[in-house]
Amino acid sequence: MRYALHSTIRPGQIAGYIREHARIPDDLREVFDRVGIGEWVIWRSGDRLFHLVECDDLPTALAAVEAEPANERWQARIGAFVAEFFDAEGNHTGTPLQEVWSLSEQRRADLRPHESKQQAPDRADGLTRSTDSASKV
């Protein structure tokens, strides 16, 4: 599964955050491998970070990572750069963001001949659009 996370960088710490992520410690990467985190990508826009994590069960994987000495060392090091994590509602938590739309999911749905096309919610604003129509993303 894919999980998206959102965090922010502390003021004045962007360069340090990027420098620290040039290569994470090997022992932390080994922990990620062991708990089933197959991919973790981070994008930055200003002081905002957007993470895409691929694993079977993020809450279980992160709970396992939390107890590891490699993670404790990493958190002590990276904590100087990360201000906080946010959930889909903007609350200060580590809860994954809500997925709004996926091209691959839409393609899979279009390949299922048994299901009729229905109105799908259009993002968080509650408006609807037909899954038959093309629109700008």
C-alpha atoms as a PDB file:
ATOM      1  CA  MET A   1       0.000   0.000   0.000  1.00  0.00           C
ATOM      2  CA  ARG A   2       0.983   3.620  -0.428  1.00  0.00           C
ATOM      3  CA  TYR A   3       0.794   6.100   2.431  1.00  0.00           C
ATOM      4  CA  ALA A   4       1.302   9.863   2.233  1.00  0.00           C
ATOM      5  CA  LEU A   5       2.601  11.916   5.151  1.00  0.00           C
ATOM      6  CA  HIS A   6       3.010  15.675   5.565  1.00  0.00           C
ATOM      7  CA  SER A   7       5.530  17.385   7.800  1.00  0.00           C
ATOM      8  CA  THR A   8       7.279  20.725   8.096  1.00  0.00           C
ATOM      9  CA  ILE A   9      10.890  21.769   8.507  1.00  0.00           C
ATOM     10  CA  ARG A  10      11.883  24.082  11.342  1.00  0.00           C
ATOM     11  CA  PRO A  11      12.687  27.667  10.275  1.00  0.00           C
ATOM     12  CA  GLY A  12      16.177  27.963   8.841  1.00  0.00           C
ATOM     13  CA  GLN A  13      16.758  24.211   8.728  1.00  0.00           C
ATOM     14  CA  ILE A  14      16.039  23.333   5.085  1.00  0.00           C
ATOM     15  CA  ALA A  15      19.689  22.930   4.036  1.00  0.00           C
ATOM     16  CA  GLY A  16      20.443  20.785   7.073  1.00  0.00           C
ATOM     17  CA  TYR A  17      17.418  18.589   6.490  1.00  0.00           C
ATOM     18  CA  ILE A  18      18.408  18.010   2.868  1.00  0.00           C
ATOM     19  CA  ARG A  19      22.021  17.337   3.863  1.00  0.00           C
ATOM     20  CA  GLU A  20      20.957  14.758   6.467  1.00  0.00           C
ATOM     21  CA  HIS A  21      18.825  12.966   3.883  1.00  0.00           C
ATOM     22  CA  ALA A  22      21.581  12.705   1.273  1.00  0.00           C
ATOM     23  CA  ARG A  23      21.979   9.203   2.732  1.00  0.00           C
ATOM     24  CA  ILE A  24      20.175   7.847   5.771  1.00  0.00           C
ATOM     25  CA  PRO A  25      22.189   5.587   8.094  1.00  0.00           C
ATOM     26  CA  ASP A  26      22.616   2.019   6.828  1.00  0.00           C
ATOM     27  CA  ASP A  27      21.308   0.540  10.078  1.00  0.00           C
ATOM     28  CA  LEU A  28      18.072   2.543   9.716  1.00  0.00           C
ATOM     29  CA  ARG A  29      17.699   1.434   6.108  1.00  0.00           C
ATOM     30  CA  GLU A  30      18.132  -2.165   7.282  1.00  0.00           C
ATOM     31  CA  VAL A  31      15.345  -1.630   9.835  1.00  0.00           C
ATOM     32  CA  PHE A  32      13.076  -0.315   7.056  1.00  0.00           C
ATOM     33  CA  ASP A  33      13.887  -3.415   4.988  1.00  0.00           C
ATOM     34  CA  ARG A  34      13.165  -5.742   7.910  1.00  0.00           C
ATOM     35  CA  VAL A  35       9.771  -4.187   8.770  1.00  0.00           C
ATOM     36  CA  GLY A  36       8.616  -4.139   5.136  1.00  0.00           C
ATOM     37  CA  ILE A  37       9.020  -0.493   4.129  1.00  0.00           C
ATOM     38  CA  GLY A  38       9.814  -0.928   0.447  1.00  0.00           C
ATOM     39  CA  GLU A  39      10.028   2.734  -0.520  1.00  0.00           C
ATOM     40  CA  TRP A  40      10.038   6.142   1.162  1.00  0.00           C
ATOM     41  CA  VAL A  41      10.234   9.251  -1.016  1.00  0.00           C
ATOM     42  CA  ILE A  42      10.206  12.829   0.293  1.00  0.00           C
ATOM     43  CA  TRP A  43       9.362  15.954  -1.709  1.00  0.00           C
ATOM     44  CA  ARG A  44       9.781  19.524  -0.447  1.00  0.00           C
ATOM     45  CA  SER A  45       7.871  22.723  -1.192  1.00  0.00           C
ATOM     46  CA  GLY A  46       9.176  25.585   0.916  1.00  0.00           C
ATOM     47  CA  ASP A  47       9.199  24.328   4.498  1.00  0.00           C
ATOM     48  CA  ARG A  48       6.624  21.605   3.763  1.00  0.00           C
ATOM     49  CA  LEU A  49       7.578  17.985   3.214  1.00  0.00           C
ATOM     50  CA  PHE A  50       5.440  15.369   1.515  1.00  0.00           C
ATOM     51  CA  HIS A  51       6.352  11.740   2.057  1.00  0.00           C
ATOM     52  CA  LEU A  52       5.204   8.713   0.058  1.00  0.00           C
ATOM     53  CA  VAL A  53       5.776   5.448   1.906  1.00  0.00           C
ATOM     54  CA  GLU A  54       5.132   2.032   0.394  1.00  0.00           C
ATOM     55  CA  CYS A  55       4.560  -0.888   2.751  1.00  0.00           C
ATOM     56  CA  ASP A  56       1.860  -3.386   3.684  1.00  0.00           C
ATOM     57  CA  ASP A  57       0.863  -1.775   6.996  1.00  0.00           C
ATOM     58  CA  LEU A  58       2.372   1.603   7.906  1.00  0.00           C
ATOM     59  CA  PRO A  59       1.141   1.799  11.528  1.00  0.00           C
ATOM     60  CA  THR A  60       2.596  -1.653  12.286  1.00  0.00           C
ATOM     61  CA  ALA A  61       5.838  -0.891  10.452  1.00  0.00           C
ATOM     62  CA  LEU A  62       6.307   2.445  12.236  1.00  0.00           C
ATOM     63  CA  ALA A  63       5.595   0.844  15.617  1.00  0.00           C
ATOM     64  CA  ALA A  64       8.350  -1.683  14.901  1.00  0.00           C
ATOM     65  CA  VAL A  65      10.731   1.062  13.736  1.00  0.00           C
ATOM     66  CA  GLU A  66       9.979   3.130  16.854  1.00  0.00           C
ATOM     67  CA  ALA A  67      11.512   0.522  19.169  1.00  0.00           C
ATOM     68  CA  GLU A  68      14.775   0.229  17.246  1.00  0.00           C
ATOM     69  CA  PRO A  69      18.018   1.811  18.533  1.00  0.00           C
ATOM     70  CA  ALA A  70      18.838   2.885  14.943  1.00  0.00           C
ATOM     71  CA  ASN A  71      15.623   4.911  14.869  1.00  0.00           C
ATOM     72  CA  GLU A  72      16.292   6.443  18.282  1.00  0.00           C
ATOM     73  CA  ARG A  73      19.670   7.670  17.007  1.00  0.00           C
ATOM     74  CA  TRP A  74      18.071   8.968  13.783  1.00  0.00           C
ATOM     75  CA  GLN A  75      15.284  10.797  15.632  1.00  0.00           C
ATOM     76  CA  ALA A  76      17.819  12.456  17.936  1.00  0.00           C
ATOM     77  CA  ARG A  77      19.691  13.621  14.841  1.00  0.00           C
ATOM     78  CA  ILE A  78      16.783  14.604  12.551  1.00  0.00           C
ATOM     79  CA  GLY A  79      14.592  16.089  15.293  1.00  0.00           C
ATOM     80  CA  ALA A  80      16.549  19.330  15.056  1.00  0.00           C
ATOM     81  CA  PHE A  81      15.170  19.792  11.529  1.00  0.00           C
ATOM     82  CA  VAL A  82      11.574  18.495  11.585  1.00  0.00           C
ATOM     83  CA  ALA A  83       8.969  20.696  13.258  1.00  0.00           C
ATOM     84  CA  GLU A  84       5.906  18.420  13.152  1.00  0.00           C
ATOM     85  CA  PHE A  85       3.731  15.998  11.191  1.00  0.00           C
ATOM     86  CA  PHE A  86       0.128  16.713  10.143  1.00  0.00           C
ATOM     87  CA  ASP A  87      -2.894  14.554   9.350  1.00  0.00           C
ATOM     88  CA  ALA A  88      -5.455  15.147   6.568  1.00  0.00           C
ATOM     89  CA  GLU A  89      -7.292  17.725   8.699  1.00  0.00           C
ATOM     90  CA  GLY A  90      -4.141  19.683   9.555  1.00  0.00           C
ATOM     91  CA  ASN A  91      -3.888  18.344  13.109  1.00  0.00           C
ATOM     92  CA  HIS A  92      -0.429  17.717  14.528  1.00  0.00           C
ATOM     93  CA  THR A  93      -0.156  13.929  14.231  1.00  0.00           C
ATOM     94  CA  GLY A  94       1.703  11.311  12.232  1.00  0.00           C
ATOM     95  CA  THR A  95      -1.502   9.954  10.694  1.00  0.00           C
ATOM     96  CA  PRO A  96      -1.300   9.413   6.921  1.00  0.00           C
ATOM     97  CA  LEU A  97      -2.998  11.878   4.597  1.00  0.00           C
ATOM     98  CA  GLN A  98      -6.241  11.012   2.834  1.00  0.00           C
ATOM     99  CA  GLU A  99      -5.832   9.822  -0.743  1.00  0.00           C
ATOM    100  CA  VAL A 100      -8.075  11.895  -2.979  1.00  0.00           C
ATOM    101  CA  TRP A 101      -7.462  10.428  -6.435  1.00  0.00           C
ATOM    102  CA  SER A 102      -5.248   7.886  -8.160  1.00  0.00           C
ATOM    103  CA  LEU A 103      -4.757   7.520 -11.902  1.00  0.00           C
ATOM    104  CA  SER A 104      -3.905   3.824 -11.563  1.00  0.00           C
ATOM    105  CA  GLU A 105      -7.046   3.185  -9.485  1.00  0.00           C
ATOM    106  CA  GLN A 106      -9.163   4.957 -12.082  1.00  0.00           C
ATOM    107  CA  ARG A 107      -7.577   2.906 -14.838  1.00  0.00           C
ATOM    108  CA  ARG A 108      -8.275  -0.319 -12.923  1.00  0.00           C
ATOM    109  CA  ALA A 109     -11.882   0.740 -12.359  1.00  0.00           C
ATOM    110  CA  ASP A 110     -12.285   1.499 -16.070  1.00  0.00           C
ATOM    111  CA  LEU A 111     -11.132  -2.042 -16.898  1.00  0.00           C
ATOM    112  CA  ARG A 112     -13.870  -3.633 -14.765  1.00  0.00           C
ATOM    113  CA  PRO A 113     -16.736  -4.184 -17.227  1.00  0.00           C
ATOM    114  CA  HIS A 114     -19.278  -5.287 -14.575  1.00  0.00           C
ATOM    115  CA  GLU A 115     -19.422  -1.987 -12.756  1.00  0.00           C
ATOM    116  CA  SER A 116     -21.265   1.034 -14.057  1.00  0.00           C
ATOM    117  CA  LYS A 117     -19.640   4.417 -14.051  1.00  0.00           C
ATOM    118  CA  GLN A 118     -20.945   6.547 -11.207  1.00  0.00           C
ATOM    119  CA  GLN A 119     -20.488  10.025  -9.877  1.00  0.00           C
ATOM    120  CA  ALA A 120     -17.264  10.279  -7.865  1.00  0.00           C
ATOM    121  CA  PRO A 121     -16.516  12.939  -5.257  1.00  0.00           C
ATOM    122  CA  ASP A 122     -14.225  15.624  -6.620  1.00  0.00           C
ATOM    123  CA  ARG A 123     -11.491  16.180  -4.077  1.00  0.00           C
ATOM    124  CA  ALA A 124     -12.219  17.534  -0.622  1.00  0.00           C
ATOM    125  CA  ASP A 125     -14.730  20.174  -1.757  1.00  0.00           C
ATOM    126  CA  GLY A 126     -17.563  17.644  -2.045  1.00  0.00           C
ATOM    127  CA  LEU A 127     -18.377  18.503  -5.681  1.00  0.00           C
ATOM    128  CA  THR A 128     -18.871  15.617  -8.046  1.00  0.00           C
ATOM    129  CA  ARG A 129     -17.662  14.791 -11.502  1.00  0.00           C
ATOM    130  CA  SER A 130     -18.471  11.923 -13.808  1.00  0.00           C
ATOM    131  CA  THR A 131     -15.804   9.247 -14.032  1.00  0.00           C
ATOM    132  CA  ASP A 132     -16.537   9.186 -17.794  1.00  0.00           C
ATOM    133  CA  SER A 133     -15.364  12.737 -18.406  1.00  0.00           C
ATOM    134  CA  ALA A 134     -11.800  13.883 -18.810  1.00  0.00           C
ATOM    135  CA  SER A 135     -10.684  16.759 -16.622  1.00  0.00           C
ATOM    136  CA  LYS A 136      -7.531  18.591 -15.703  1.00  0.00           C
ATOM    137  CA  VAL A 137      -5.680  17.258 -12.657  1.00  0.00           C
END
